[in-house]
Amino acid sequence: MIAKHSFILEPGEWVGEGTVSFSASEEQLYFITKWGIDLGEEDEIECNQEVRMEGAEETVQNSFQIYDLTSNSFNITLENNILGKVSGSGIIDDKTIAWEFRGHIGFQGYEVYEMEGEGLYKFHAEYASPDQFRTIINGHIRKTEEEE
């Protein structure tokens, strides 16, 4: 049986917020994020993420597909109009869902989501560019209450 996570593993809507910082700057930017999670075909999970950063006019749209899901691991793809499509792998345990992308020219990094309570996670992510500048992301997400 897969751990009792609702994030990523169950259909639903999530909202979150946090900060983005860069290794080349002291500045921190505030962002908000929305996730939509649906079950796809062939035991795949489809996730659409929207990220809106403070001071930016455009939102970033990320599409994730999770597949080959077992009780403690999965494969994942990330697709957006900046990166194209990249593949990675992930792990699951009682408190954590995490994934990483490695071996892609110009893109590598990881995201870690730690359960803090029912429908609440804190997260940390780091991504590196080819010139070794790092983007560091910290925040919280929570499941939204669906109203009928």
Foldseek 3Di string as FASTA:
>chain_A
DAAPDCPQPPFAKKKKKWWKDKPVDPDIKIKIKMKGWDQDPPRKIKIWMWIDIPPDPDIWIKIKIWDPDDNFKIKMWIAGPPPGIFIWMWTGDNFKTKIWTDDDQFKIKMKIWGDPDVFKTWMWIWMAGNVGMIMIITIMMGTDDDDD
